[in-house]
Amino acid sequence: MNEDALNIQIRKFLKKTGITSQRAIEQAVRDGIRAGTVRNGDRLEATMSLSIRQLGLDVDVVDTLEIEE
């Protein structure tokens, strides 16, 4: 196995998922603020799920996003 090539592939995947996720979260927060369902000071629990079926990998990363002024 080529460790360097694997590392590059993983980094490309993480970059793509990171950018896509950030844009989706930012848009959802803006929409929530406009709709009045999200306010400054709110704490939003976020969960990111990673699954690779062929490896039997299922990982959830949970964190809290604080909406500040």
PDB file of N, CA and C in Angstrom:
ATOM      1  N   MET A   1       0.853  -1.183   0.000  1.00  0.00           N
ATOM      2  CA  MET A   1       0.000   0.000   0.000  1.00  0.00           C
ATOM      3  C   MET A   1       0.895   1.241   0.000  1.00  0.00           C
ATOM      4  N   ASN A   2       0.541   2.193  -0.823  1.00  0.00           N
ATOM      5  CA  ASN A   2       1.274   3.450  -0.905  1.00  0.00           C
ATOM      6  C   ASN A   2       0.656   4.435   0.092  1.00  0.00           C
ATOM      7  N   GLU A   3       1.327   4.598   1.229  1.00  0.00           N
ATOM      8  CA  GLU A   3       0.818   5.469   2.304  1.00  0.00           C
ATOM      9  C   GLU A   3       0.645   6.914   1.842  1.00  0.00           C
ATOM     10  N   ASP A   4       1.586   7.410   1.054  1.00  0.00           N
ATOM     11  CA  ASP A   4       1.503   8.797   0.585  1.00  0.00           C
ATOM     12  C   ASP A   4       0.302   9.007  -0.322  1.00  0.00           C
ATOM     13  N   ALA A   5       0.064   8.074  -1.235  1.00  0.00           N
ATOM     14  CA  ALA A   5      -1.081   8.186  -2.140  1.00  0.00           C
ATOM     15  C   ALA A   5      -2.389   8.109  -1.364  1.00  0.00           C
ATOM     16  N   LEU A   6      -2.467   7.214  -0.378  1.00  0.00           N
ATOM     17  CA  LEU A   6      -3.667   7.103   0.454  1.00  0.00           C
ATOM     18  C   LEU A   6      -3.906   8.405   1.209  1.00  0.00           C
ATOM     19  N   ASN A   7      -2.845   8.962   1.769  1.00  0.00           N
ATOM     20  CA  ASN A   7      -2.957  10.215   2.514  1.00  0.00           C
ATOM     21  C   ASN A   7      -3.500  11.325   1.630  1.00  0.00           C
ATOM     22  N   ILE A   8      -3.019  11.404   0.401  1.00  0.00           N
ATOM     23  CA  ILE A   8      -3.499  12.427  -0.534  1.00  0.00           C
ATOM     24  C   ILE A   8      -4.982  12.222  -0.837  1.00  0.00           C
ATOM     25  N   GLN A   9      -5.389  10.975  -1.071  1.00  0.00           N
ATOM     26  CA  GLN A   9      -6.790  10.693  -1.353  1.00  0.00           C
ATOM     27  C   GLN A   9      -7.694  11.054  -0.177  1.00  0.00           C
ATOM     28  N   ILE A  10      -7.241  10.742   1.031  1.00  0.00           N
ATOM     29  CA  ILE A  10      -8.015  11.080   2.226  1.00  0.00           C
ATOM     30  C   ILE A  10      -8.124  12.594   2.376  1.00  0.00           C
ATOM     31  N   ARG A  11      -7.042  13.302   2.162  1.00  0.00           N
ATOM     32  CA  ARG A  11      -7.060  14.764   2.275  1.00  0.00           C
ATOM     33  C   ARG A  11      -7.991  15.402   1.244  1.00  0.00           C
ATOM     34  N   LYS A  12      -8.013  14.870   0.028  1.00  0.00           N
ATOM     35  CA  LYS A  12      -8.941  15.377  -1.000  1.00  0.00           C
ATOM     36  C   LYS A  12     -10.386  15.171  -0.563  1.00  0.00           C
ATOM     37  N   PHE A  13     -10.664  13.990  -0.029  1.00  0.00           N
ATOM     38  CA  PHE A  13     -12.015  13.684   0.451  1.00  0.00           C
ATOM     39  C   PHE A  13     -12.406  14.628   1.583  1.00  0.00           C
ATOM     40  N   LEU A  14     -11.510  14.821   2.549  1.00  0.00           N
ATOM     41  CA  LEU A  14     -11.808  15.696   3.683  1.00  0.00           C
ATOM     42  C   LEU A  14     -11.984  17.149   3.253  1.00  0.00           C
ATOM     43  N   LYS A  15     -11.195  17.590   2.293  1.00  0.00           N
ATOM     44  CA  LYS A  15     -11.340  18.953   1.789  1.00  0.00           C
ATOM     45  C   LYS A  15     -12.711  19.129   1.144  1.00  0.00           C
ATOM     46  N   LYS A  16     -13.106  18.172   0.329  1.00  0.00           N
ATOM     47  CA  LYS A  16     -14.405  18.243  -0.349  1.00  0.00           C
ATOM     48  C   LYS A  16     -15.552  18.219   0.661  1.00  0.00           C
ATOM     49  N   THR A  17     -15.488  17.304   1.619  1.00  0.00           N
ATOM     50  CA  THR A  17     -16.570  17.226   2.600  1.00  0.00           C
ATOM     51  C   THR A  17     -16.576  18.447   3.513  1.00  0.00           C
ATOM     52  N   GLY A  18     -15.391  18.965   3.840  1.00  0.00           N
ATOM     53  CA  GLY A  18     -15.306  20.137   4.707  1.00  0.00           C
ATOM     54  C   GLY A  18     -15.925  21.371   4.073  1.00  0.00           C
ATOM     55  N   ILE A  19     -15.585  21.610   2.826  1.00  0.00           N
ATOM     56  CA  ILE A  19     -16.118  22.780   2.117  1.00  0.00           C
ATOM     57  C   ILE A  19     -17.627  22.656   1.939  1.00  0.00           C
ATOM     58  N   THR A  20     -18.074  21.484   1.511  1.00  0.00           N
ATOM     59  CA  THR A  20     -19.509  21.252   1.294  1.00  0.00           C
ATOM     60  C   THR A  20     -20.282  21.406   2.596  1.00  0.00           C
ATOM     61  N   SER A  21     -19.760  20.832   3.670  1.00  0.00           N
ATOM     62  CA  SER A  21     -20.431  20.910   4.971  1.00  0.00           C
ATOM     63  C   SER A  21     -20.486  22.333   5.490  1.00  0.00           C
ATOM     64  N   GLN A  22     -19.387  23.064   5.361  1.00  0.00           N
ATOM     65  CA  GLN A  22     -19.363  24.443   5.847  1.00  0.00           C
ATOM     66  C   GLN A  22     -20.400  25.290   5.130  1.00  0.00           C
ATOM     67  N   ARG A  23     -20.463  25.168   3.824  1.00  0.00           N
ATOM     68  CA  ARG A  23     -21.443  25.949   3.058  1.00  0.00           C
ATOM     69  C   ARG A  23     -22.865  25.597   3.456  1.00  0.00           C
ATOM     70  N   ALA A  24     -23.145  24.314   3.633  1.00  0.00           N
ATOM     71  CA  ALA A  24     -24.496  23.882   4.002  1.00  0.00           C
ATOM     72  C   ALA A  24     -24.880  24.410   5.384  1.00  0.00           C
ATOM     73  N   ILE A  25     -23.949  24.338   6.339  1.00  0.00           N
ATOM     74  CA  ILE A  25     -24.238  24.823   7.690  1.00  0.00           C
ATOM     75  C   ILE A  25     -24.452  26.334   7.685  1.00  0.00           C
ATOM     76  N   GLU A  26     -23.572  27.069   7.007  1.00  0.00           N
ATOM     77  CA  GLU A  26     -23.717  28.532   6.952  1.00  0.00           C
ATOM     78  C   GLU A  26     -25.063  28.929   6.355  1.00  0.00           C
ATOM     79  N   GLN A  27     -25.467  28.278   5.278  1.00  0.00           N
ATOM     80  CA  GLN A  27     -26.746  28.603   4.641  1.00  0.00           C
ATOM     81  C   GLN A  27     -27.916  28.264   5.565  1.00  0.00           C
ATOM     82  N   ALA A  28     -27.849  27.113   6.224  1.00  0.00           N
ATOM     83  CA  ALA A  28     -28.924  26.715   7.131  1.00  0.00           C
ATOM     84  C   ALA A  28     -29.038  27.680   8.309  1.00  0.00           C
ATOM     85  N   VAL A  29     -27.899  28.146   8.833  1.00  0.00           N
ATOM     86  CA  VAL A  29     -27.934  29.103   9.948  1.00  0.00           C
ATOM     87  C   VAL A  29     -28.517  30.435   9.472  1.00  0.00           C
ATOM     88  N   ARG A  30     -28.084  30.907   8.310  1.00  0.00           N
ATOM     89  CA  ARG A  30     -28.651  32.160   7.769  1.00  0.00           C
ATOM     90  C   ARG A  30     -30.160  32.033   7.580  1.00  0.00           C
ATOM     91  N   ASP A  31     -30.594  30.912   7.014  1.00  0.00           N
ATOM     92  CA  ASP A  31     -32.035  30.682   6.810  1.00  0.00           C
ATOM     93  C   ASP A  31     -32.767  30.638   8.147  1.00  0.00           C
ATOM     94  N   GLY A  32     -32.153  29.981   9.139  1.00  0.00           N
ATOM     95  CA  GLY A  32     -32.767  29.901  10.462  1.00  0.00           C
ATOM     96  C   GLY A  32     -32.872  31.256  11.127  1.00  0.00           C
ATOM     97  N   ILE A  33     -31.865  32.098  10.952  1.00  0.00           N
ATOM     98  CA  ILE A  33     -31.912  33.455  11.520  1.00  0.00           C
ATOM     99  C   ILE A  33     -33.021  34.261  10.854  1.00  0.00           C
ATOM    100  N   ARG A  34     -33.100  34.155   9.525  1.00  0.00           N
ATOM    101  CA  ARG A  34     -34.163  34.864   8.804  1.00  0.00           C
ATOM    102  C   ARG A  34     -35.550  34.406   9.237  1.00  0.00           C
ATOM    103  N   ALA A  35     -35.692  33.107   9.478  1.00  0.00           N
ATOM    104  CA  ALA A  35     -36.989  32.545   9.855  1.00  0.00           C
ATOM    105  C   ALA A  35     -37.303  32.737  11.334  1.00  0.00           C
ATOM    106  N   GLY A  36     -36.296  33.152  12.100  1.00  0.00           N
ATOM    107  CA  GLY A  36     -36.510  33.360  13.526  1.00  0.00           C
ATOM    108  C   GLY A  36     -36.369  32.092  14.358  1.00  0.00           C
ATOM    109  N   THR A  37     -35.919  30.992  13.758  1.00  0.00           N
ATOM    110  CA  THR A  37     -35.747  29.742  14.501  1.00  0.00           C
ATOM    111  C   THR A  37     -34.358  29.606  15.104  1.00  0.00           C
ATOM    112  N   VAL A  38     -33.448  30.489  14.695  1.00  0.00           N
ATOM    113  CA  VAL A  38     -32.088  30.515  15.241  1.00  0.00           C
ATOM    114  C   VAL A  38     -31.805  31.945  15.675  1.00  0.00           C
ATOM    115  N   ARG A  39     -31.219  32.077  16.869  1.00  0.00           N
ATOM    116  CA  ARG A  39     -30.920  33.404  17.404  1.00  0.00           C
ATOM    117  C   ARG A  39     -29.480  33.451  17.901  1.00  0.00           C
ATOM    118  N   ASN A  40     -28.942  34.667  18.009  1.00  0.00           N
ATOM    119  CA  ASN A  40     -27.628  34.838  18.615  1.00  0.00           C
ATOM    120  C   ASN A  40     -27.647  34.231  20.009  1.00  0.00           C
ATOM    121  N   GLY A  41     -26.601  33.524  20.343  1.00  0.00           N
ATOM    122  CA  GLY A  41     -26.515  32.870  21.645  1.00  0.00           C
ATOM    123  C   GLY A  41     -26.983  31.429  21.625  1.00  0.00           C
ATOM    124  N   ASP A  42     -27.659  31.011  20.557  1.00  0.00           N
ATOM    125  CA  ASP A  42     -28.100  29.620  20.466  1.00  0.00           C
ATOM    126  C   ASP A  42     -26.902  28.687  20.366  1.00  0.00           C
ATOM    127  N   ARG A  43     -27.084  27.492  20.871  1.00  0.00           N
ATOM    128  CA  ARG A  43     -26.085  26.431  20.744  1.00  0.00           C
ATOM    129  C   ARG A  43     -26.738  25.312  19.935  1.00  0.00           C
ATOM    130  N   LEU A  44     -26.102  24.963  18.837  1.00  0.00           N
ATOM    131  CA  LEU A  44     -26.652  23.959  17.934  1.00  0.00           C
ATOM    132  C   LEU A  44     -25.775  22.709  17.979  1.00  0.00           C
ATOM    133  N   GLU A  45     -26.378  21.569  18.279  1.00  0.00           N
ATOM    134  CA  GLU A  45     -25.621  20.326  18.282  1.00  0.00           C
ATOM    135  C   GLU A  45     -25.510  19.821  16.851  1.00  0.00           C
ATOM    136  N   ALA A  46     -24.290  19.588  16.417  1.00  0.00           N
ATOM    137  CA  ALA A  46     -24.039  19.123  15.058  1.00  0.00           C
ATOM    138  C   ALA A  46     -23.414  17.735  15.114  1.00  0.00           C
ATOM    139  N   THR A  47     -23.844  16.879  14.201  1.00  0.00           N
ATOM    140  CA  THR A  47     -23.285  15.536  14.097  1.00  0.00           C
ATOM    141  C   THR A  47     -22.858  15.296  12.655  1.00  0.00           C
ATOM    142  N   MET A  48     -21.626  14.846  12.497  1.00  0.00           N
ATOM    143  CA  MET A  48     -21.108  14.478  11.181  1.00  0.00           C
ATOM    144  C   MET A  48     -20.883  12.972  11.201  1.00  0.00           C
ATOM    145  N   SER A  49     -21.462  12.287  10.225  1.00  0.00           N
ATOM    146  CA  SER A  49     -21.322  10.836  10.150  1.00  0.00           C
ATOM    147  C   SER A  49     -20.416  10.453   8.990  1.00  0.00           C
ATOM    148  N   LEU A  50     -19.503   9.538   9.252  1.00  0.00           N
ATOM    149  CA  LEU A  50     -18.605   9.009   8.231  1.00  0.00           C
ATOM    150  C   LEU A  50     -18.824   7.515   8.139  1.00  0.00           C
ATOM    151  N   SER A  51     -19.021   7.036   6.938  1.00  0.00           N
ATOM    152  CA  SER A  51     -19.263   5.613   6.729  1.00  0.00           C
ATOM    153  C   SER A  51     -18.466   5.135   5.516  1.00  0.00           C
ATOM    154  N   ILE A  52     -17.758   4.039   5.688  1.00  0.00           N
ATOM    155  CA  ILE A  52     -17.125   3.351   4.570  1.00  0.00           C
ATOM    156  C   ILE A  52     -17.566   1.897   4.698  1.00  0.00           C
ATOM    157  N   ARG A  53     -18.581   1.535   3.930  1.00  0.00           N
ATOM    158  CA  ARG A  53     -19.191   0.216   4.062  1.00  0.00           C
ATOM    159  C   ARG A  53     -18.201  -0.926   3.891  1.00  0.00           C
ATOM    160  N   GLN A  54     -17.317  -0.805   2.890  1.00  0.00           N
ATOM    161  CA  GLN A  54     -16.369  -1.890   2.617  1.00  0.00           C
ATOM    162  C   GLN A  54     -15.427  -2.159   3.790  1.00  0.00           C
ATOM    163  N   LEU A  55     -15.224  -1.160   4.644  1.00  0.00           N
ATOM    164  CA  LEU A  55     -14.334  -1.315   5.798  1.00  0.00           C
ATOM    165  C   LEU A  55     -15.100  -1.549   7.094  1.00  0.00           C
ATOM    166  N   GLY A  56     -16.416  -1.485   7.025  1.00  0.00           N
ATOM    167  CA  GLY A  56     -17.216  -1.606   8.235  1.00  0.00           C
ATOM    168  C   GLY A  56     -17.019  -0.428   9.174  1.00  0.00           C
ATOM    169  N   LEU A  57     -16.705   0.726   8.590  1.00  0.00           N
ATOM    170  CA  LEU A  57     -16.418   1.923   9.382  1.00  0.00           C
ATOM    171  C   LEU A  57     -17.666   2.800   9.486  1.00  0.00           C
ATOM    172  N   ASP A  58     -18.043   3.107  10.708  1.00  0.00           N
ATOM    173  CA  ASP A  58     -19.129   4.041  10.991  1.00  0.00           C
ATOM    174  C   ASP A  58     -18.705   4.886  12.181  1.00  0.00           C
ATOM    175  N   VAL A  59     -18.484   6.172  11.941  1.00  0.00           N
ATOM    176  CA  VAL A  59     -18.010   7.084  12.989  1.00  0.00           C
ATOM    177  C   VAL A  59     -18.892   8.330  12.981  1.00  0.00           C
ATOM    178  N   ASP A  60     -19.330   8.745  14.158  1.00  0.00           N
ATOM    179  CA  ASP A  60     -20.044  10.012  14.310  1.00  0.00           C
ATOM    180  C   ASP A  60     -19.166  10.975  15.090  1.00  0.00           C
ATOM    181  N   VAL A  61     -19.055  12.193  14.583  1.00  0.00           N
ATOM    182  CA  VAL A  61     -18.343  13.259  15.287  1.00  0.00           C
ATOM    183  C   VAL A  61     -19.410  14.263  15.712  1.00  0.00           C
ATOM    184  N   VAL A  62     -19.479  14.527  17.012  1.00  0.00           N
ATOM    185  CA  VAL A  62     -20.513  15.416  17.559  1.00  0.00           C
ATOM    186  C   VAL A  62     -19.837  16.616  18.203  1.00  0.00           C
ATOM    187  N   ASP A  63     -20.385  17.793  17.931  1.00  0.00           N
ATOM    188  CA  ASP A  63     -19.870  19.010  18.552  1.00  0.00           C
ATOM    189  C   ASP A  63     -20.991  20.030  18.623  1.00  0.00           C
ATOM    190  N   THR A  64     -20.739  21.120  19.304  1.00  0.00           N
ATOM    191  CA  THR A  64     -21.731  22.183  19.452  1.00  0.00           C
ATOM    192  C   THR A  64     -21.243  23.431  18.745  1.00  0.00           C
ATOM    193  N   LEU A  65     -22.128  24.010  17.960  1.00  0.00           N
ATOM    194  CA  LEU A  65     -21.839  25.272  17.276  1.00  0.00           C
ATOM    195  C   LEU A  65     -22.563  26.378  18.042  1.00  0.00           C
ATOM    196  N   GLU A  66     -21.819  27.390  18.462  1.00  0.00           N
ATOM    197  CA  GLU A  66     -22.416  28.518  19.178  1.00  0.00           C
ATOM    198  C   GLU A  66     -22.610  29.667  18.199  1.00  0.00           C
ATOM    199  N   ILE A  67     -23.824  30.190  18.164  1.00  0.00           N
ATOM    200  CA  ILE A  67     -24.143  31.301  17.279  1.00  0.00           C
ATOM    201  C   ILE A  67     -23.893  32.601  18.035  1.00  0.00           C
ATOM    202  N   GLU A  68     -22.891  33.344  17.583  1.00  0.00           N
ATOM    203  CA  GLU A  68     -22.509  34.593  18.231  1.00  0.00           C
ATOM    204  C   GLU A  68     -22.803  35.769  17.323  1.00  0.00           C
ATOM    205  N   GLU A  69     -22.933  36.940  17.929  1.00  0.00           N
ATOM    206  CA  GLU A  69     -23.142  38.161  17.145  1.00  0.00           C
ATOM    207  C   GLU A  69     -21.909  38.520  16.375  1.00  0.00           C
TER     208      GLU A  69
END
